[in-house]
Amino acid sequence: KEVITKAMQIPGSLKIKQNISKYI
């Protein structure tokens, strides 16, 4: 619950950045 809540508050631009998936 705490991990997914935290993860889904992170902007998508930090989940894929510089063409790197799972960047953050």
mmCIF file of all heavy atoms, coordinates in Angstrom:
data_MODEL
# 
_entry.id   MODEL 
# 
loop_
_atom_site.group_PDB 
_atom_site.id 
_atom_site.type_symbol 
_atom_site.label_atom_id 
_atom_site.label_alt_id 
_atom_site.label_comp_id 
_atom_site.label_asym_id 
_atom_site.label_entity_id 
_atom_site.label_seq_id 
_atom_site.pdbx_PDB_ins_code 
_atom_site.Cartn_x 
_atom_site.Cartn_y 
_atom_site.Cartn_z 
_atom_site.occupancy 
_atom_site.B_iso_or_equiv 
_atom_site.pdbx_formal_charge 
_atom_site.auth_seq_id 
_atom_site.auth_comp_id 
_atom_site.auth_asym_id 
_atom_site.auth_atom_id 
_atom_site.pdbx_PDB_model_num 
ATOM 1   N N   . LYS A 1 1  ? 0.819  -1.215 0.000   1.00 0.00 ? 1  LYS A N   1 
ATOM 2   C CA  . LYS A 1 1  ? 0.000  0.000  0.000   1.00 0.00 ? 1  LYS A CA  1 
ATOM 3   C C   . LYS A 1 1  ? 0.854  1.268  0.000   1.00 0.00 ? 1  LYS A C   1 
ATOM 4   O O   . LYS A 1 1  ? 0.598  2.208  -0.759  1.00 0.00 ? 1  LYS A O   1 
ATOM 5   C CB  . LYS A 1 1  ? -0.948 -0.008 1.210   1.00 0.00 ? 1  LYS A CB  1 
ATOM 6   C CG  . LYS A 1 1  ? -1.891 1.181  1.262   1.00 0.00 ? 1  LYS A CG  1 
ATOM 7   C CD  . LYS A 1 1  ? -3.010 0.991  2.266   1.00 0.00 ? 1  LYS A CD  1 
ATOM 8   C CE  . LYS A 1 1  ? -2.543 0.889  3.685   1.00 0.00 ? 1  LYS A CE  1 
ATOM 9   N NZ  . LYS A 1 1  ? -3.670 0.895  4.654   1.00 0.00 ? 1  LYS A NZ  1 
ATOM 10  N N   . GLU A 1 2  ? 1.893  1.298  0.822   1.00 0.00 ? 2  GLU A N   1 
ATOM 11  C CA  . GLU A 1 2  ? 2.716  2.500  0.916   1.00 0.00 ? 2  GLU A CA  1 
ATOM 12  C C   . GLU A 1 2  ? 3.615  2.669  -0.300  1.00 0.00 ? 2  GLU A C   1 
ATOM 13  O O   . GLU A 1 2  ? 3.834  3.791  -0.775  1.00 0.00 ? 2  GLU A O   1 
ATOM 14  C CB  . GLU A 1 2  ? 3.535  2.472  2.205   1.00 0.00 ? 2  GLU A CB  1 
ATOM 15  C CG  . GLU A 1 2  ? 2.661  2.573  3.451   1.00 0.00 ? 2  GLU A CG  1 
ATOM 16  C CD  . GLU A 1 2  ? 3.456  2.789  4.729   1.00 0.00 ? 2  GLU A CD  1 
ATOM 17  O OE1 . GLU A 1 2  ? 4.701  2.840  4.656   1.00 0.00 ? 2  GLU A OE1 1 
ATOM 18  O OE2 . GLU A 1 2  ? 2.826  2.904  5.798   1.00 0.00 ? 2  GLU A OE2 1 
ATOM 19  N N   . VAL A 1 3  ? 4.141  1.565  -0.828  1.00 0.00 ? 3  VAL A N   1 
ATOM 20  C CA  . VAL A 1 3  ? 5.022  1.647  -1.999  1.00 0.00 ? 3  VAL A CA  1 
ATOM 21  C C   . VAL A 1 3  ? 4.242  2.104  -3.232  1.00 0.00 ? 3  VAL A C   1 
ATOM 22  O O   . VAL A 1 3  ? 4.672  3.006  -3.970  1.00 0.00 ? 3  VAL A O   1 
ATOM 23  C CB  . VAL A 1 3  ? 5.704  0.293  -2.281  1.00 0.00 ? 3  VAL A CB  1 
ATOM 24  C CG1 . VAL A 1 3  ? 6.478  0.343  -3.602  1.00 0.00 ? 3  VAL A CG1 1 
ATOM 25  C CG2 . VAL A 1 3  ? 6.648  -0.086 -1.149  1.00 0.00 ? 3  VAL A CG2 1 
ATOM 26  N N   . ILE A 1 4  ? 3.082  1.494  -3.475  1.00 0.00 ? 4  ILE A N   1 
ATOM 27  C CA  . ILE A 1 4  ? 2.317  1.858  -4.663  1.00 0.00 ? 4  ILE A CA  1 
ATOM 28  C C   . ILE A 1 4  ? 1.756  3.268  -4.544  1.00 0.00 ? 4  ILE A C   1 
ATOM 29  O O   . ILE A 1 4  ? 1.729  4.021  -5.528  1.00 0.00 ? 4  ILE A O   1 
ATOM 30  C CB  . ILE A 1 4  ? 1.214  0.824  -4.939  1.00 0.00 ? 4  ILE A CB  1 
ATOM 31  C CG1 . ILE A 1 4  ? 1.859  -0.516 -5.360  1.00 0.00 ? 4  ILE A CG1 1 
ATOM 32  C CG2 . ILE A 1 4  ? 0.257  1.311  -6.020  1.00 0.00 ? 4  ILE A CG2 1 
ATOM 33  C CD1 . ILE A 1 4  ? 0.896  -1.581 -5.800  1.00 0.00 ? 4  ILE A CD1 1 
ATOM 34  N N   . THR A 1 5  ? 1.325  3.650  -3.353  1.00 0.00 ? 5  THR A N   1 
ATOM 35  C CA  . THR A 1 5  ? 0.861  5.023  -3.158  1.00 0.00 ? 5  THR A CA  1 
ATOM 36  C C   . THR A 1 5  ? 1.966  6.019  -3.493  1.00 0.00 ? 5  THR A C   1 
ATOM 37  O O   . THR A 1 5  ? 1.750  7.014  -4.199  1.00 0.00 ? 5  THR A O   1 
ATOM 38  C CB  . THR A 1 5  ? 0.383  5.230  -1.703  1.00 0.00 ? 5  THR A CB  1 
ATOM 39  O OG1 . THR A 1 5  ? -0.741 4.383  -1.454  1.00 0.00 ? 5  THR A OG1 1 
ATOM 40  C CG2 . THR A 1 5  ? -0.022 6.678  -1.466  1.00 0.00 ? 5  THR A CG2 1 
ATOM 41  N N   . LYS A 1 6  ? 3.179  5.745  -3.001  1.00 0.00 ? 6  LYS A N   1 
ATOM 42  C CA  . LYS A 1 6  ? 4.326  6.611  -3.293  1.00 0.00 ? 6  LYS A CA  1 
ATOM 43  C C   . LYS A 1 6  ? 4.649  6.603  -4.787  1.00 0.00 ? 6  LYS A C   1 
ATOM 44  O O   . LYS A 1 6  ? 4.844  7.671  -5.405  1.00 0.00 ? 6  LYS A O   1 
ATOM 45  C CB  . LYS A 1 6  ? 5.544  6.154  -2.485  1.00 0.00 ? 6  LYS A CB  1 
ATOM 46  C CG  . LYS A 1 6  ? 6.852  6.858  -2.826  1.00 0.00 ? 6  LYS A CG  1 
ATOM 47  C CD  . LYS A 1 6  ? 6.838  8.335  -2.480  1.00 0.00 ? 6  LYS A CD  1 
ATOM 48  C CE  . LYS A 1 6  ? 6.814  8.543  -0.977  1.00 0.00 ? 6  LYS A CE  1 
ATOM 49  N NZ  . LYS A 1 6  ? 6.892  9.981  -0.618  1.00 0.00 ? 6  LYS A NZ  1 
ATOM 50  N N   . ALA A 1 7  ? 4.691  5.420  -5.385  1.00 0.00 ? 7  ALA A N   1 
ATOM 51  C CA  . ALA A 1 7  ? 5.070  5.289  -6.795  1.00 0.00 ? 7  ALA A CA  1 
ATOM 52  C C   . ALA A 1 7  ? 4.095  6.020  -7.713  1.00 0.00 ? 7  ALA A C   1 
ATOM 53  O O   . ALA A 1 7  ? 4.502  6.652  -8.694  1.00 0.00 ? 7  ALA A O   1 
ATOM 54  C CB  . ALA A 1 7  ? 5.142  3.819  -7.183  1.00 0.00 ? 7  ALA A CB  1 
ATOM 55  N N   . MET A 1 8  ? 2.802  5.943  -7.382  1.00 0.00 ? 8  MET A N   1 
ATOM 56  C CA  . MET A 1 8  ? 1.795  6.539  -8.259  1.00 0.00 ? 8  MET A CA  1 
ATOM 57  C C   . MET A 1 8  ? 1.617  8.039  -8.016  1.00 0.00 ? 8  MET A C   1 
ATOM 58  O O   . MET A 1 8  ? 0.815  8.681  -8.678  1.00 0.00 ? 8  MET A O   1 
ATOM 59  C CB  . MET A 1 8  ? 0.474  5.794  -8.118  1.00 0.00 ? 8  MET A CB  1 
ATOM 60  C CG  . MET A 1 8  ? 0.534  4.352  -8.620  1.00 0.00 ? 8  MET A CG  1 
ATOM 61  S SD  . MET A 1 8  ? 1.097  4.193  -10.333 1.00 0.00 ? 8  MET A SD  1 
ATOM 62  C CE  . MET A 1 8  ? -0.309 4.884  -11.208 1.00 0.00 ? 8  MET A CE  1 
ATOM 63  N N   . GLN A 1 9  ? 2.378  8.600  -7.083  1.00 0.00 ? 9  GLN A N   1 
ATOM 64  C CA  . GLN A 1 9  ? 2.435  10.052 -6.915  1.00 0.00 ? 9  GLN A CA  1 
ATOM 65  C C   . GLN A 1 9  ? 3.598  10.657 -7.699  1.00 0.00 ? 9  GLN A C   1 
ATOM 66  O O   . GLN A 1 9  ? 3.681  11.874 -7.871  1.00 0.00 ? 9  GLN A O   1 
ATOM 67  C CB  . GLN A 1 9  ? 2.577  10.406 -5.432  1.00 0.00 ? 9  GLN A CB  1 
ATOM 68  C CG  . GLN A 1 9  ? 1.335  10.131 -4.610  1.00 0.00 ? 9  GLN A CG  1 
ATOM 69  C CD  . GLN A 1 9  ? 1.569  10.325 -3.115  1.00 0.00 ? 9  GLN A CD  1 
ATOM 70  O OE1 . GLN A 1 9  ? 2.702  10.470 -2.661  1.00 0.00 ? 9  GLN A OE1 1 
ATOM 71  N NE2 . GLN A 1 9  ? 0.499  10.330 -2.348  1.00 0.00 ? 9  GLN A NE2 1 
ATOM 72  N N   . ILE A 1 10 ? 4.503  9.805  -8.178  1.00 0.00 ? 10 ILE A N   1 
ATOM 73  C CA  . ILE A 1 10 ? 5.678  10.266 -8.921  1.00 0.00 ? 10 ILE A CA  1 
ATOM 74  C C   . ILE A 1 10 ? 5.272  10.583 -10.362 1.00 0.00 ? 10 ILE A C   1 
ATOM 75  O O   . ILE A 1 10 ? 4.628  9.767  -11.021 1.00 0.00 ? 10 ILE A O   1 
ATOM 76  C CB  . ILE A 1 10 ? 6.788  9.192  -8.899  1.00 0.00 ? 10 ILE A CB  1 
ATOM 77  C CG1 . ILE A 1 10 ? 7.277  8.972  -7.461  1.00 0.00 ? 10 ILE A CG1 1 
ATOM 78  C CG2 . ILE A 1 10 ? 7.954  9.593  -9.805  1.00 0.00 ? 10 ILE A CG2 1 
ATOM 79  C CD1 . ILE A 1 10 ? 8.231  7.808  -7.297  1.00 0.00 ? 10 ILE A CD1 1 
ATOM 80  N N   . PRO A 1 11 ? 5.624  11.748 -10.885 1.00 0.00 ? 11 PRO A N   1 
ATOM 81  C CA  . PRO A 1 11 ? 5.256  12.091 -12.267 1.00 0.00 ? 11 PRO A CA  1 
ATOM 82  C C   . PRO A 1 11 ? 5.810  11.081 -13.269 1.00 0.00 ? 11 PRO A C   1 
ATOM 83  O O   . PRO A 1 11 ? 6.916  10.549 -13.087 1.00 0.00 ? 11 PRO A O   1 
ATOM 84  C CB  . PRO A 1 11 ? 5.903  13.469 -12.472 1.00 0.00 ? 11 PRO A CB  1 
ATOM 85  C CG  . PRO A 1 11 ? 6.142  14.001 -11.109 1.00 0.00 ? 11 PRO A CG  1 
ATOM 86  C CD  . PRO A 1 11 ? 6.381  12.817 -10.226 1.00 0.00 ? 11 PRO A CD  1 
ATOM 87  N N   . GLY A 1 12 ? 5.034  10.831 -14.309 1.00 0.00 ? 12 GLY A N   1 
ATOM 88  C CA  . GLY A 1 12 ? 5.463  9.891  -15.340 1.00 0.00 ? 12 GLY A CA  1 
ATOM 89  C C   . GLY A 1 12 ? 6.773  10.292 -15.990 1.00 0.00 ? 12 GLY A C   1 
ATOM 90  O O   . GLY A 1 12 ? 7.544  9.434  -16.436 1.00 0.00 ? 12 GLY A O   1 
ATOM 91  N N   . SER A 1 13 ? 7.056  11.573 -16.012 1.00 0.00 ? 13 SER A N   1 
ATOM 92  C CA  . SER A 1 13 ? 8.299  12.062 -16.631 1.00 0.00 ? 13 SER A CA  1 
ATOM 93  C C   . SER A 1 13 ? 9.540  11.575 -15.896 1.00 0.00 ? 13 SER A C   1 
ATOM 94  O O   . SER A 1 13 ? 10.651 11.646 -16.430 1.00 0.00 ? 13 SER A O   1 
ATOM 95  C CB  . SER A 1 13 ? 8.292  13.594 -16.679 1.00 0.00 ? 13 SER A CB  1 
ATOM 96  O OG  . SER A 1 13 ? 8.140  14.137 -15.375 1.00 0.00 ? 13 SER A OG  1 
ATOM 97  N N   . LEU A 1 14 ? 9.374  11.099 -14.660 1.00 0.00 ? 14 LEU A N   1 
ATOM 98  C CA  . LEU A 1 14 ? 10.497 10.529 -13.913 1.00 0.00 ? 14 LEU A CA  1 
ATOM 99  C C   . LEU A 1 14 ? 10.493 9.003  -13.944 1.00 0.00 ? 14 LEU A C   1 
ATOM 100 O O   . LEU A 1 14 ? 11.399 8.366  -13.410 1.00 0.00 ? 14 LEU A O   1 
ATOM 101 C CB  . LEU A 1 14 ? 10.471 11.012 -12.462 1.00 0.00 ? 14 LEU A CB  1 
ATOM 102 C CG  . LEU A 1 14 ? 10.848 12.478 -12.243 1.00 0.00 ? 14 LEU A CG  1 
ATOM 103 C CD1 . LEU A 1 14 ? 10.719 12.844 -10.774 1.00 0.00 ? 14 LEU A CD1 1 
ATOM 104 C CD2 . LEU A 1 14 ? 12.266 12.757 -12.752 1.00 0.00 ? 14 LEU A CD2 1 
ATOM 105 N N   . LYS A 1 15 ? 9.482  8.418  -14.553 1.00 0.00 ? 15 LYS A N   1 
ATOM 106 C CA  . LYS A 1 15 ? 9.449  6.957  -14.695 1.00 0.00 ? 15 LYS A CA  1 
ATOM 107 C C   . LYS A 1 15 ? 10.115 6.520  -15.993 1.00 0.00 ? 15 LYS A C   1 
ATOM 108 O O   . LYS A 1 15 ? 10.648 5.410  -16.075 1.00 0.00 ? 15 LYS A O   1 
ATOM 109 C CB  . LYS A 1 15 ? 8.003  6.455  -14.612 1.00 0.00 ? 15 LYS A CB  1 
ATOM 110 C CG  . LYS A 1 15 ? 7.398  6.652  -13.233 1.00 0.00 ? 15 LYS A CG  1 
ATOM 111 C CD  . LYS A 1 15 ? 6.001  6.079  -13.099 1.00 0.00 ? 15 LYS A CD  1 
ATOM 112 C CE  . LYS A 1 15 ? 5.480  6.263  -11.672 1.00 0.00 ? 15 LYS A CE  1 
ATOM 113 N NZ  . LYS A 1 15 ? 4.140  5.687  -11.476 1.00 0.00 ? 15 LYS A NZ  1 
ATOM 114 N N   . ILE A 1 16 ? 10.059 7.372  -16.993 1.00 0.00 ? 16 ILE A N   1 
ATOM 115 C CA  . ILE A 1 16 ? 10.858 7.162  -18.199 1.00 0.00 ? 16 ILE A CA  1 
ATOM 116 C C   . ILE A 1 16 ? 11.497 8.501  -18.544 1.00 0.00 ? 16 ILE A C   1 
ATOM 117 O O   . ILE A 1 16 ? 10.813 9.501  -18.776 1.00 0.00 ? 16 ILE A O   1 
ATOM 118 C CB  . ILE A 1 16 ? 10.033 6.588  -19.369 1.00 0.00 ? 16 ILE A CB  1 
ATOM 119 C CG1 . ILE A 1 16 ? 10.923 6.401  -20.599 1.00 0.00 ? 16 ILE A CG1 1 
ATOM 120 C CG2 . ILE A 1 16 ? 8.792  7.400  -19.668 1.00 0.00 ? 16 ILE A CG2 1 
ATOM 121 C CD1 . ILE A 1 16 ? 10.299 5.551  -21.687 1.00 0.00 ? 16 ILE A CD1 1 
ATOM 122 N N   . LYS A 1 17 ? 12.814 8.517  -18.519 1.00 0.00 ? 17 LYS A N   1 
ATOM 123 C CA  . LYS A 1 17 ? 13.556 9.755  -18.741 1.00 0.00 ? 17 LYS A CA  1 
ATOM 124 C C   . LYS A 1 17 ? 14.826 9.410  -19.506 1.00 0.00 ? 17 LYS A C   1 
ATOM 125 O O   . LYS A 1 17 ? 15.449 8.371  -19.239 1.00 0.00 ? 17 LYS A O   1 
ATOM 126 C CB  . LYS A 1 17 ? 13.892 10.408 -17.387 1.00 0.00 ? 17 LYS A CB  1 
ATOM 127 C CG  . LYS A 1 17 ? 14.606 11.743 -17.498 1.00 0.00 ? 17 LYS A CG  1 
ATOM 128 C CD  . LYS A 1 17 ? 14.865 12.319 -16.101 1.00 0.00 ? 17 LYS A CD  1 
ATOM 129 C CE  . LYS A 1 17 ? 15.662 13.612 -16.182 1.00 0.00 ? 17 LYS A CE  1 
ATOM 130 N NZ  . LYS A 1 17 ? 15.955 14.174 -14.830 1.00 0.00 ? 17 LYS A NZ  1 
ATOM 131 N N   . GLN A 1 18 ? 15.198 10.249 -20.456 1.00 0.00 ? 18 GLN A N   1 
ATOM 132 C CA  . GLN A 1 18 ? 16.379 9.995  -21.284 1.00 0.00 ? 18 GLN A CA  1 
ATOM 133 C C   . GLN A 1 18 ? 16.273 8.622  -21.962 1.00 0.00 ? 18 GLN A C   1 
ATOM 134 O O   . GLN A 1 18 ? 17.254 7.909  -22.118 1.00 0.00 ? 18 GLN A O   1 
ATOM 135 C CB  . GLN A 1 18 ? 17.655 10.092 -20.442 1.00 0.00 ? 18 GLN A CB  1 
ATOM 136 C CG  . GLN A 1 18 ? 17.852 11.458 -19.810 1.00 0.00 ? 18 GLN A CG  1 
ATOM 137 C CD  . GLN A 1 18 ? 18.896 11.471 -18.705 1.00 0.00 ? 18 GLN A CD  1 
ATOM 138 O OE1 . GLN A 1 18 ? 19.528 10.450 -18.415 1.00 0.00 ? 18 GLN A OE1 1 
ATOM 139 N NE2 . GLN A 1 18 ? 19.061 12.618 -18.067 1.00 0.00 ? 18 GLN A NE2 1 
ATOM 140 N N   . ASN A 1 19 ? 15.020 8.269  -22.266 1.00 0.00 ? 19 ASN A N   1 
ATOM 141 C CA  . ASN A 1 19 ? 14.698 6.986  -22.906 1.00 0.00 ? 19 ASN A CA  1 
ATOM 142 C C   . ASN A 1 19 ? 14.994 5.783  -22.007 1.00 0.00 ? 19 ASN A C   1 
ATOM 143 O O   . ASN A 1 19 ? 15.065 4.645  -22.481 1.00 0.00 ? 19 ASN A O   1 
ATOM 144 C CB  . ASN A 1 19 ? 15.445 6.825  -24.241 1.00 0.00 ? 19 ASN A CB  1 
ATOM 145 C CG  . ASN A 1 19 ? 14.690 5.918  -25.195 1.00 0.00 ? 19 ASN A CG  1 
ATOM 146 O OD1 . ASN A 1 19 ? 13.456 5.914  -25.229 1.00 0.00 ? 19 ASN A OD1 1 
ATOM 147 N ND2 . ASN A 1 19 ? 15.419 5.124  -25.957 1.00 0.00 ? 19 ASN A ND2 1 
ATOM 148 N N   . ILE A 1 20 ? 15.144 6.008  -20.697 1.00 0.00 ? 20 ILE A N   1 
ATOM 149 C CA  . ILE A 1 20 ? 15.422 4.928  -19.745 1.00 0.00 ? 20 ILE A CA  1 
ATOM 150 C C   . ILE A 1 20 ? 14.131 4.587  -19.005 1.00 0.00 ? 20 ILE A C   1 
ATOM 151 O O   . ILE A 1 20 ? 13.586 5.416  -18.266 1.00 0.00 ? 20 ILE A O   1 
ATOM 152 C CB  . ILE A 1 20 ? 16.509 5.344  -18.724 1.00 0.00 ? 20 ILE A CB  1 
ATOM 153 C CG1 . ILE A 1 20 ? 17.817 5.659  -19.443 1.00 0.00 ? 20 ILE A CG1 1 
ATOM 154 C CG2 . ILE A 1 20 ? 16.715 4.239  -17.691 1.00 0.00 ? 20 ILE A CG2 1 
ATOM 155 C CD1 . ILE A 1 20 ? 18.882 6.245  -18.534 1.00 0.00 ? 20 ILE A CD1 1 
ATOM 156 N N   . SER A 1 21 ? 13.632 3.377  -19.211 1.00 0.00 ? 21 SER A N   1 
ATOM 157 C CA  . SER A 1 21 ? 12.441 2.919  -18.491 1.00 0.00 ? 21 SER A CA  1 
ATOM 158 C C   . SER A 1 21 ? 12.787 2.680  -17.021 1.00 0.00 ? 21 SER A C   1 
ATOM 159 O O   . SER A 1 21 ? 13.908 2.322  -16.690 1.00 0.00 ? 21 SER A O   1 
ATOM 160 C CB  . SER A 1 21 ? 11.915 1.627  -19.108 1.00 0.00 ? 21 SER A CB  1 
ATOM 161 O OG  . SER A 1 21 ? 11.495 1.832  -20.437 1.00 0.00 ? 21 SER A OG  1 
ATOM 162 N N   . LYS A 1 22 ? 11.809 2.889  -16.131 1.00 0.00 ? 22 LYS A N   1 
ATOM 163 C CA  . LYS A 1 22 ? 11.998 2.711  -14.686 1.00 0.00 ? 22 LYS A CA  1 
ATOM 164 C C   . LYS A 1 22 ? 13.121 3.622  -14.173 1.00 0.00 ? 22 LYS A C   1 
ATOM 165 O O   . LYS A 1 22 ? 13.845 3.274  -13.239 1.00 0.00 ? 22 LYS A O   1 
ATOM 166 C CB  . LYS A 1 22 ? 12.280 1.242  -14.337 1.00 0.00 ? 22 LYS A CB  1 
ATOM 167 C CG  . LYS A 1 22 ? 11.040 0.381  -14.410 1.00 0.00 ? 22 LYS A CG  1 
ATOM 168 C CD  . LYS A 1 22 ? 11.327 -1.085 -14.518 1.00 0.00 ? 22 LYS A CD  1 
ATOM 169 C CE  . LYS A 1 22 ? 11.807 -1.741 -13.296 1.00 0.00 ? 22 LYS A CE  1 
ATOM 170 N NZ  . LYS A 1 22 ? 11.855 -3.212 -13.445 1.00 0.00 ? 22 LYS A NZ  1 
ATOM 171 N N   . TYR A 1 23 ? 13.222 4.774  -14.775 1.00 0.00 ? 23 TYR A N   1 
ATOM 172 C CA  . TYR A 1 23 ? 14.334 5.691  -14.474 1.00 0.00 ? 23 TYR A CA  1 
ATOM 173 C C   . TYR A 1 23 ? 14.454 5.968  -12.978 1.00 0.00 ? 23 TYR A C   1 
ATOM 174 O O   . TYR A 1 23 ? 15.526 5.822  -12.390 1.00 0.00 ? 23 TYR A O   1 
ATOM 175 C CB  . TYR A 1 23 ? 14.148 6.999  -15.242 1.00 0.00 ? 23 TYR A CB  1 
ATOM 176 C CG  . TYR A 1 23 ? 15.134 8.081  -14.858 1.00 0.00 ? 23 TYR A CG  1 
ATOM 177 C CD1 . TYR A 1 23 ? 16.398 8.131  -15.444 1.00 0.00 ? 23 TYR A CD1 1 
ATOM 178 C CD2 . TYR A 1 23 ? 14.807 9.044  -13.896 1.00 0.00 ? 23 TYR A CD2 1 
ATOM 179 C CE1 . TYR A 1 23 ? 17.305 9.119  -15.083 1.00 0.00 ? 23 TYR A CE1 1 
ATOM 180 C CE2 . TYR A 1 23 ? 15.713 10.027 -13.533 1.00 0.00 ? 23 TYR A CE2 1 
ATOM 181 C CZ  . TYR A 1 23 ? 16.956 10.064 -14.130 1.00 0.00 ? 23 TYR A CZ  1 
ATOM 182 O OH  . TYR A 1 23 ? 17.863 11.030 -13.762 1.00 0.00 ? 23 TYR A OH  1 
ATOM 183 N N   . ILE A 1 24 ? 13.366 6.364  -12.344 1.00 0.00 ? 24 ILE A N   1 
ATOM 184 C CA  . ILE A 1 24 ? 13.441 6.783  -10.939 1.00 0.00 ? 24 ILE A CA  1 
ATOM 185 C C   . ILE A 1 24 ? 13.753 5.606  -10.019 1.00 0.00 ? 24 ILE A C   1 
ATOM 186 O O   . ILE A 1 24 ? 14.463 5.751  -9.015  1.00 0.00 ? 24 ILE A O   1 
ATOM 187 C CB  . ILE A 1 24 ? 12.140 7.505  -10.503 1.00 0.00 ? 24 ILE A CB  1 
ATOM 188 C CG1 . ILE A 1 24 ? 12.356 8.310  -9.217  1.00 0.00 ? 24 ILE A CG1 1 
ATOM 189 C CG2 . ILE A 1 24 ? 10.974 6.534  -10.355 1.00 0.00 ? 24 ILE A CG2 1 
ATOM 190 C CD1 . ILE A 1 24 ? 13.271 9.509  -9.407  1.00 0.00 ? 24 ILE A CD1 1 
# 
